[in-house]
Amino acid sequence: MKWFVMIFFLTYNQDGTRDTFVFTNPTFDDRATCMATLNNRDEIAKYVIGLVDAYKGITPGPIEVVNCINQEQFDELERLRRKEEGKIDT
């Protein structure tokens, strides 16, 4: 099963949802490997650069939590996002 790094920002939207970001690259084969990158300075620098690029220099706010999620959790988040955008019915 694939694992992904997920960023939780300290900010919330008006509808109560939370600002988050999931790195789809790189992916990891297990949670332990994913989590190990969250304590590695070189990897942290890559994540910071990725966030700055993704948000064009202005993130939604300070980072509160960084964690790893598995493929099933990622798929559910994507399903909810598409539903919110009106791209699926259920």
N, C-alpha and C. Protein backbone atom coordinates (compact mmCIF):
# COMPACT_ATOMS: atom_id res chain seq x y z
N MET A 1 0.85 -1.19 0.00
CA MET A 1 0.00 0.00 0.00
C MET A 1 0.88 1.24 0.00
N LYS A 2 0.49 2.23 -0.78
CA LYS A 2 1.23 3.49 -0.83
C LYS A 2 0.91 4.37 0.38
N TRP A 3 1.91 5.16 0.75
CA TRP A 3 1.77 6.14 1.82
C TRP A 3 2.17 7.50 1.30
N PHE A 4 1.51 8.56 1.80
CA PHE A 4 1.71 9.93 1.36
C PHE A 4 1.93 10.85 2.56
N VAL A 5 2.68 11.91 2.35
CA VAL A 5 2.85 12.94 3.38
C VAL A 5 1.68 13.92 3.27
N MET A 6 1.05 14.22 4.41
CA MET A 6 -0.07 15.16 4.45
C MET A 6 0.25 16.29 5.42
N ILE A 7 0.00 17.50 4.96
CA ILE A 7 0.23 18.71 5.75
C ILE A 7 -1.12 19.25 6.22
N PHE A 8 -1.22 19.55 7.50
CA PHE A 8 -2.41 20.20 8.06
C PHE A 8 -2.01 21.61 8.47
N PHE A 9 -2.66 22.59 7.88
CA PHE A 9 -2.39 23.97 8.24
C PHE A 9 -3.23 24.38 9.43
N LEU A 10 -2.82 25.41 10.09
CA LEU A 10 -3.51 25.91 11.28
C LEU A 10 -4.74 26.74 10.91
N THR A 11 -5.02 26.86 9.63
CA THR A 11 -6.13 27.70 9.15
C THR A 11 -7.34 26.84 8.78
N TYR A 12 -8.49 27.47 8.88
CA TYR A 12 -9.75 26.83 8.52
C TYR A 12 -10.48 27.72 7.52
N ASN A 13 -11.28 27.09 6.68
CA ASN A 13 -12.10 27.83 5.73
C ASN A 13 -13.40 28.26 6.40
N GLN A 14 -14.14 29.14 5.75
CA GLN A 14 -15.39 29.64 6.33
C GLN A 14 -16.39 28.52 6.59
N ASP A 15 -16.35 27.46 5.80
CA ASP A 15 -17.29 26.35 5.98
C ASP A 15 -16.83 25.36 7.04
N GLY A 16 -15.71 25.67 7.70
CA GLY A 16 -15.22 24.81 8.78
C GLY A 16 -14.22 23.76 8.34
N THR A 17 -14.02 23.61 7.03
CA THR A 17 -13.02 22.65 6.57
C THR A 17 -11.63 23.20 6.82
N ARG A 18 -10.70 22.30 6.86
CA ARG A 18 -9.33 22.67 7.20
C ARG A 18 -8.47 22.70 5.95
N ASP A 19 -7.54 23.63 5.92
CA ASP A 19 -6.59 23.67 4.81
C ASP A 19 -5.58 22.54 4.98
N THR A 20 -5.44 21.73 3.93
CA THR A 20 -4.51 20.61 3.94
C THR A 20 -3.80 20.52 2.60
N PHE A 21 -2.74 19.77 2.57
CA PHE A 21 -2.01 19.52 1.33
C PHE A 21 -1.43 18.12 1.41
N VAL A 22 -1.58 17.34 0.33
CA VAL A 22 -1.02 16.00 0.27
C VAL A 22 0.03 15.95 -0.82
N PHE A 23 1.21 15.49 -0.46
CA PHE A 23 2.26 15.27 -1.45
C PHE A 23 2.02 13.92 -2.12
N THR A 24 1.78 13.92 -3.41
CA THR A 24 1.59 12.67 -4.14
C THR A 24 2.91 12.14 -4.70
N ASN A 25 3.95 12.92 -4.53
CA ASN A 25 5.27 12.49 -4.93
C ASN A 25 6.26 13.08 -3.93
N PRO A 26 7.01 12.30 -3.24
CA PRO A 26 7.16 10.86 -3.40
C PRO A 26 6.06 10.09 -2.67
N THR A 27 5.96 8.80 -2.97
CA THR A 27 5.12 7.89 -2.21
C THR A 27 6.05 6.89 -1.51
N PHE A 28 5.50 6.24 -0.50
CA PHE A 28 6.30 5.31 0.29
C PHE A 28 5.58 3.98 0.41
N ASP A 29 6.36 2.91 0.60
CA ASP A 29 5.79 1.57 0.69
C ASP A 29 5.22 1.25 2.06
N ASP A 30 5.65 2.00 3.08
CA ASP A 30 5.13 1.75 4.43
C ASP A 30 5.16 3.04 5.24
N ARG A 31 4.40 3.03 6.33
CA ARG A 31 4.27 4.23 7.16
C ARG A 31 5.59 4.62 7.81
N ALA A 32 6.35 3.63 8.26
CA ALA A 32 7.61 3.93 8.96
C ALA A 32 8.57 4.70 8.06
N THR A 33 8.67 4.31 6.81
CA THR A 33 9.55 5.01 5.87
C THR A 33 9.06 6.42 5.62
N CYS A 34 7.75 6.55 5.44
CA CYS A 34 7.14 7.87 5.25
C CYS A 34 7.43 8.77 6.46
N MET A 35 7.17 8.26 7.64
CA MET A 35 7.37 9.04 8.86
C MET A 35 8.84 9.42 9.05
N ALA A 36 9.75 8.56 8.65
CA ALA A 36 11.18 8.84 8.81
C ALA A 36 11.58 10.09 8.02
N THR A 37 10.93 10.33 6.88
CA THR A 37 11.27 11.52 6.09
C THR A 37 10.85 12.81 6.79
N LEU A 38 9.91 12.70 7.71
CA LEU A 38 9.41 13.89 8.39
C LEU A 38 10.38 14.40 9.46
N ASN A 39 11.41 13.61 9.74
CA ASN A 39 12.43 14.00 10.71
C ASN A 39 13.80 14.19 10.08
N ASN A 40 13.85 14.13 8.76
CA ASN A 40 15.10 14.25 8.03
C ASN A 40 15.20 15.66 7.43
N ARG A 41 16.21 16.41 7.84
CA ARG A 41 16.32 17.82 7.41
C ARG A 41 16.32 17.98 5.89
N ASP A 42 17.02 17.10 5.18
CA ASP A 42 17.06 17.21 3.72
C ASP A 42 15.68 17.00 3.11
N GLU A 43 14.95 16.03 3.64
CA GLU A 43 13.60 15.76 3.13
C GLU A 43 12.64 16.88 3.51
N ILE A 44 12.77 17.41 4.71
CA ILE A 44 11.93 18.53 5.14
C ILE A 44 12.12 19.71 4.19
N ALA A 45 13.36 19.98 3.82
CA ALA A 45 13.64 21.08 2.89
C ALA A 45 12.93 20.86 1.56
N LYS A 46 12.89 19.62 1.09
CA LYS A 46 12.19 19.31 -0.17
C LYS A 46 10.69 19.56 -0.02
N TYR A 47 10.13 19.20 1.13
CA TYR A 47 8.70 19.43 1.35
C TYR A 47 8.39 20.93 1.39
N VAL A 48 9.26 21.69 2.05
CA VAL A 48 9.06 23.14 2.12
C VAL A 48 9.10 23.75 0.71
N ILE A 49 10.07 23.35 -0.07
CA ILE A 49 10.16 23.85 -1.45
C ILE A 49 8.92 23.46 -2.24
N GLY A 50 8.43 22.24 -2.04
CA GLY A 50 7.22 21.79 -2.72
C GLY A 50 6.00 22.62 -2.35
N LEU A 51 5.88 22.96 -1.07
CA LEU A 51 4.76 23.79 -0.63
C LEU A 51 4.85 25.20 -1.20
N VAL A 52 6.04 25.76 -1.17
CA VAL A 52 6.23 27.11 -1.71
C VAL A 52 5.88 27.13 -3.19
N ASP A 53 6.29 26.11 -3.92
CA ASP A 53 5.96 26.02 -5.34
C ASP A 53 4.46 25.86 -5.55
N ALA A 54 3.85 24.95 -4.80
CA ALA A 54 2.42 24.66 -4.97
C ALA A 54 1.56 25.88 -4.67
N TYR A 55 1.94 26.65 -3.68
CA TYR A 55 1.15 27.81 -3.26
C TYR A 55 1.71 29.13 -3.80
N LYS A 56 2.66 29.03 -4.72
CA LYS A 56 3.26 30.22 -5.35
C LYS A 56 3.77 31.22 -4.31
N GLY A 57 4.38 30.67 -3.26
CA GLY A 57 5.04 31.50 -2.27
C GLY A 57 4.21 31.89 -1.07
N ILE A 58 2.89 31.67 -1.11
CA ILE A 58 2.03 32.10 0.00
C ILE A 58 1.17 30.92 0.46
N THR A 59 1.59 30.26 1.53
CA THR A 59 0.81 29.13 2.04
C THR A 59 -0.44 29.65 2.76
N PRO A 60 -1.44 28.76 2.96
CA PRO A 60 -2.67 29.20 3.63
C PRO A 60 -2.48 29.64 5.08
N GLY A 61 -1.35 29.30 5.66
CA GLY A 61 -1.08 29.68 7.04
C GLY A 61 0.04 28.82 7.59
N PRO A 62 0.28 28.94 8.88
CA PRO A 62 1.33 28.12 9.49
C PRO A 62 0.95 26.64 9.49
N ILE A 63 1.95 25.80 9.45
CA ILE A 63 1.72 24.35 9.52
C ILE A 63 1.48 23.96 10.97
N GLU A 64 0.44 23.19 11.18
CA GLU A 64 0.16 22.70 12.54
C GLU A 64 0.68 21.28 12.73
N VAL A 65 0.37 20.40 11.77
CA VAL A 65 0.72 18.98 11.91
C VAL A 65 1.15 18.44 10.54
N VAL A 66 2.12 17.56 10.57
CA VAL A 66 2.51 16.81 9.37
C VAL A 66 2.42 15.34 9.74
N ASN A 67 1.80 14.54 8.85
CA ASN A 67 1.61 13.12 9.14
C ASN A 67 1.64 12.35 7.84
N CYS A 68 1.53 11.05 7.93
CA CYS A 68 1.46 10.19 6.75
C CYS A 68 0.09 9.52 6.70
N ILE A 69 -0.46 9.44 5.48
CA ILE A 69 -1.74 8.77 5.27
C ILE A 69 -1.55 7.68 4.23
N ASN A 70 -2.42 6.65 4.32
CA ASN A 70 -2.29 5.55 3.36
C ASN A 70 -3.17 5.78 2.13
N GLN A 71 -3.05 4.90 1.16
CA GLN A 71 -3.76 5.03 -0.11
C GLN A 71 -5.27 5.09 0.09
N GLU A 72 -5.81 4.29 1.00
CA GLU A 72 -7.26 4.31 1.24
C GLU A 72 -7.71 5.67 1.76
N GLN A 73 -6.97 6.23 2.69
CA GLN A 73 -7.31 7.55 3.23
C GLN A 73 -7.18 8.62 2.14
N PHE A 74 -6.14 8.52 1.33
CA PHE A 74 -5.95 9.46 0.23
C PHE A 74 -7.12 9.38 -0.75
N ASP A 75 -7.51 8.17 -1.11
CA ASP A 75 -8.63 7.98 -2.05
C ASP A 75 -9.92 8.56 -1.50
N GLU A 76 -10.15 8.41 -0.21
CA GLU A 76 -11.35 8.97 0.41
C GLU A 76 -11.31 10.49 0.39
N LEU A 77 -10.17 11.07 0.66
CA LEU A 77 -10.03 12.53 0.59
C LEU A 77 -10.28 13.03 -0.83
N GLU A 78 -9.77 12.33 -1.80
CA GLU A 78 -9.99 12.70 -3.20
C GLU A 78 -11.47 12.59 -3.57
N ARG A 79 -12.12 11.53 -3.09
CA ARG A 79 -13.54 11.36 -3.36
C ARG A 79 -14.34 12.51 -2.76
N LEU A 80 -14.02 12.89 -1.54
CA LEU A 80 -14.71 14.00 -0.89
C LEU A 80 -14.44 15.33 -1.59
N ARG A 81 -13.21 15.52 -2.04
CA ARG A 81 -12.86 16.75 -2.77
C ARG A 81 -13.63 16.85 -4.08
N ARG A 82 -13.69 15.74 -4.81
CA ARG A 82 -14.43 15.75 -6.08
C ARG A 82 -15.92 15.97 -5.85
N LYS A 83 -16.44 15.40 -4.78
CA LYS A 83 -17.85 15.58 -4.44
C LYS A 83 -18.10 17.04 -4.14
N GLU A 84 -17.22 17.65 -3.36
CA GLU A 84 -17.36 19.07 -2.99
C GLU A 84 -17.31 19.95 -4.24
N GLU A 85 -16.50 19.56 -5.20
CA GLU A 85 -16.40 20.33 -6.44
C GLU A 85 -17.53 20.03 -7.43
N GLY A 86 -18.39 19.10 -7.04
CA GLY A 86 -19.52 18.76 -7.91
C GLY A 86 -19.17 17.83 -9.05
N LYS A 87 -18.06 17.12 -8.94
CA LYS A 87 -17.64 16.27 -10.04
C LYS A 87 -18.15 14.85 -9.93
N ILE A 88 -18.73 14.48 -8.76
CA ILE A 88 -19.36 13.17 -8.61
C ILE A 88 -20.64 13.34 -7.82
N ASP A 89 -21.51 12.37 -7.94
CA ASP A 89 -22.82 12.45 -7.31
C ASP A 89 -22.86 11.93 -5.87
N THR A 90 -22.04 10.93 -5.55
CA THR A 90 -22.12 10.32 -4.22
C THR A 90 -20.93 10.60 -3.36
